[in-house]
């Protein structure tokens, strides 16, 4: 299991070396969000781009609270399309798979980051 994790990490490190636009944490965050999103479904299935974006929004707020926007920007992610680019780089590296209908454009204009992450409020469920 540790070897498999190391192989994943090596592939992600190679991605970062080849495309330094986004920090390693952005890639591992997307993988964690995908796992979290799928685990919340009644039964495992493919997650579409728009669904993943909503999972990203919710997970980031749960994990980082009022710092979510700052953290995501620090990773080099400034719009939802950036998350799409990360996903498709993970697909190209065979760390994720996609369906024929999946497109990078699915991640365009998903939401405004200021609106999605900048207006944090404490929710009873997060306590």
Protein backbone atom coordinates (compact mmCIF):
# COMPACT_ATOMS: atom_id res chain seq x y z
CA UNK A 1 0.00 0.00 0.00
CA UNK A 2 2.83 2.38 0.88
CA UNK A 3 4.55 1.53 -2.42
CA UNK A 4 1.39 2.29 -4.37
CA UNK A 5 1.06 5.63 -2.56
CA UNK A 6 4.69 6.43 -3.37
CA UNK A 7 4.08 5.67 -7.05
CA UNK A 8 1.08 8.02 -7.05
CA UNK A 9 3.16 10.70 -5.39
CA UNK A 10 6.03 10.23 -7.85
CA UNK A 11 3.63 10.64 -10.78
CA UNK A 12 2.20 13.80 -9.24
CA UNK A 13 5.68 15.18 -8.56
CA UNK A 14 6.54 14.55 -12.20
CA UNK A 15 3.39 16.43 -13.22
CA UNK A 16 4.43 19.38 -11.06
CA UNK A 17 7.95 19.30 -12.52
CA UNK A 18 6.56 19.30 -16.07
CA UNK A 19 3.80 21.85 -15.36
CA UNK A 20 4.76 24.07 -12.42
CA UNK A 21 1.57 26.16 -12.78
CA UNK A 22 0.03 24.37 -9.79
CA UNK A 23 1.56 23.15 -6.55
CA UNK A 24 1.60 19.47 -5.63
CA UNK A 25 -1.05 20.14 -2.97
CA UNK A 26 -3.54 21.19 -5.66
CA UNK A 27 -3.26 17.76 -7.27
CA UNK A 28 -3.54 15.84 -4.00
CA UNK A 29 -6.47 18.05 -3.00
CA UNK A 30 -8.36 17.18 -6.19
CA UNK A 31 -7.75 13.47 -5.56
CA UNK A 32 -8.96 13.84 -1.96
CA UNK A 33 -12.07 15.73 -3.11
CA UNK A 34 -12.85 13.07 -5.68
CA UNK A 35 -12.57 10.36 -3.02
CA UNK A 36 -14.76 12.38 -0.64
CA UNK A 37 -17.35 13.11 -3.33
CA UNK A 38 -17.62 9.48 -4.45
CA UNK A 39 -17.82 8.26 -0.85
CA UNK A 40 -20.85 10.51 -0.28
CA UNK A 41 -22.79 8.94 -3.16
CA UNK A 42 -25.30 6.19 -2.45
CA UNK A 43 -23.28 3.94 -4.77
CA UNK A 44 -19.95 4.61 -6.50
CA UNK A 45 -20.19 6.05 -10.00
CA UNK A 46 -18.48 8.48 -12.33
CA UNK A 47 -18.43 12.09 -11.11
CA UNK A 48 -18.99 14.77 -13.78
CA UNK A 49 -17.03 18.02 -13.88
CA UNK A 50 -19.79 20.21 -12.42
CA UNK A 51 -20.34 17.70 -9.59
CA UNK A 52 -16.63 17.68 -8.83
CA UNK A 53 -16.57 21.48 -8.74
CA UNK A 54 -19.32 21.48 -6.15
CA UNK A 55 -17.42 18.84 -4.20
CA UNK A 56 -14.32 21.04 -4.37
CA UNK A 57 -16.24 24.03 -3.04
CA UNK A 58 -17.73 22.11 -0.13
CA UNK A 59 -14.54 20.22 0.76
CA UNK A 60 -12.38 23.37 0.66
CA UNK A 61 -14.74 25.17 3.02
CA UNK A 62 -14.83 22.18 5.38
CA UNK A 63 -11.04 21.78 5.34
CA UNK A 64 -9.85 25.39 5.29
CA UNK A 65 -12.78 27.49 6.48
CA UNK A 66 -12.20 31.21 5.95
CA UNK A 67 -8.72 30.48 4.54
CA UNK A 68 -10.07 28.40 1.62
CA UNK A 69 -9.67 31.12 -1.00
CA UNK A 70 -6.16 32.00 0.20
CA UNK A 71 -5.04 28.36 0.21
CA UNK A 72 -6.45 27.60 -3.24
CA UNK A 73 -4.87 30.70 -4.75
CA UNK A 74 -1.55 29.85 -3.10
CA UNK A 75 -1.63 26.57 -5.02
CA UNK A 76 -1.89 28.54 -8.28
CA UNK A 77 -5.60 27.87 -8.79
CA UNK A 78 -7.51 31.05 -9.71
CA UNK A 79 -10.62 29.82 -11.52
CA UNK A 80 -12.62 26.62 -11.91
CA UNK A 81 -10.96 25.91 -15.25
CA UNK A 82 -7.69 25.46 -13.34
CA UNK A 83 -9.27 22.55 -11.46
CA UNK A 84 -10.26 21.09 -14.83
CA UNK A 85 -6.68 21.38 -16.07
CA UNK A 86 -5.51 19.55 -12.95
CA UNK A 87 -8.08 16.80 -13.48
CA UNK A 88 -7.11 16.31 -17.12
CA UNK A 89 -3.39 16.24 -16.25
CA UNK A 90 -4.21 13.51 -13.73
CA UNK A 91 -6.10 11.67 -16.49
CA UNK A 92 -3.15 12.01 -18.88
CA UNK A 93 -0.91 10.55 -16.17
CA UNK A 94 -3.33 7.64 -15.73
CA UNK A 95 -4.03 8.62 -12.11
CA UNK A 96 -7.68 9.23 -13.01
CA UNK A 97 -9.91 8.03 -15.81
CA UNK A 98 -12.54 9.88 -17.80
CA UNK A 99 -15.66 9.13 -19.77
CA UNK A 100 -15.87 9.96 -23.49
CA UNK A 101 -18.26 12.85 -22.77
CA UNK A 102 -15.90 14.48 -20.23
CA UNK A 103 -14.34 17.70 -21.50
CA UNK A 104 -12.13 20.40 -20.06
CA UNK A 105 -14.91 22.87 -20.89
CA UNK A 106 -17.06 21.18 -18.19
CA UNK A 107 -14.96 23.14 -15.70
CA UNK A 108 -15.35 26.56 -17.34
CA UNK A 109 -17.20 29.25 -15.42
CA UNK A 110 -18.27 26.88 -12.65
CA UNK A 111 -18.42 29.61 -10.02
CA UNK A 112 -16.77 32.82 -8.97
CA UNK A 113 -14.07 32.09 -6.38
CA UNK A 114 -14.78 35.23 -4.34
CA UNK A 115 -18.44 34.24 -4.13
CA UNK A 116 -17.80 30.53 -3.49
CA UNK A 117 -14.95 30.79 -0.98
CA UNK A 118 -14.76 34.41 0.13
CA UNK A 119 -18.02 34.60 2.03
CA UNK A 120 -17.40 32.03 4.71
CA UNK A 121 -19.96 31.49 7.43
CA UNK A 122 -19.88 29.08 10.32
CA UNK A 123 -22.34 26.26 9.84
CA UNK A 124 -23.50 24.14 12.77
CA UNK A 125 -22.50 21.01 10.82
CA UNK A 126 -18.85 22.15 10.64
CA UNK A 127 -18.56 22.46 14.42
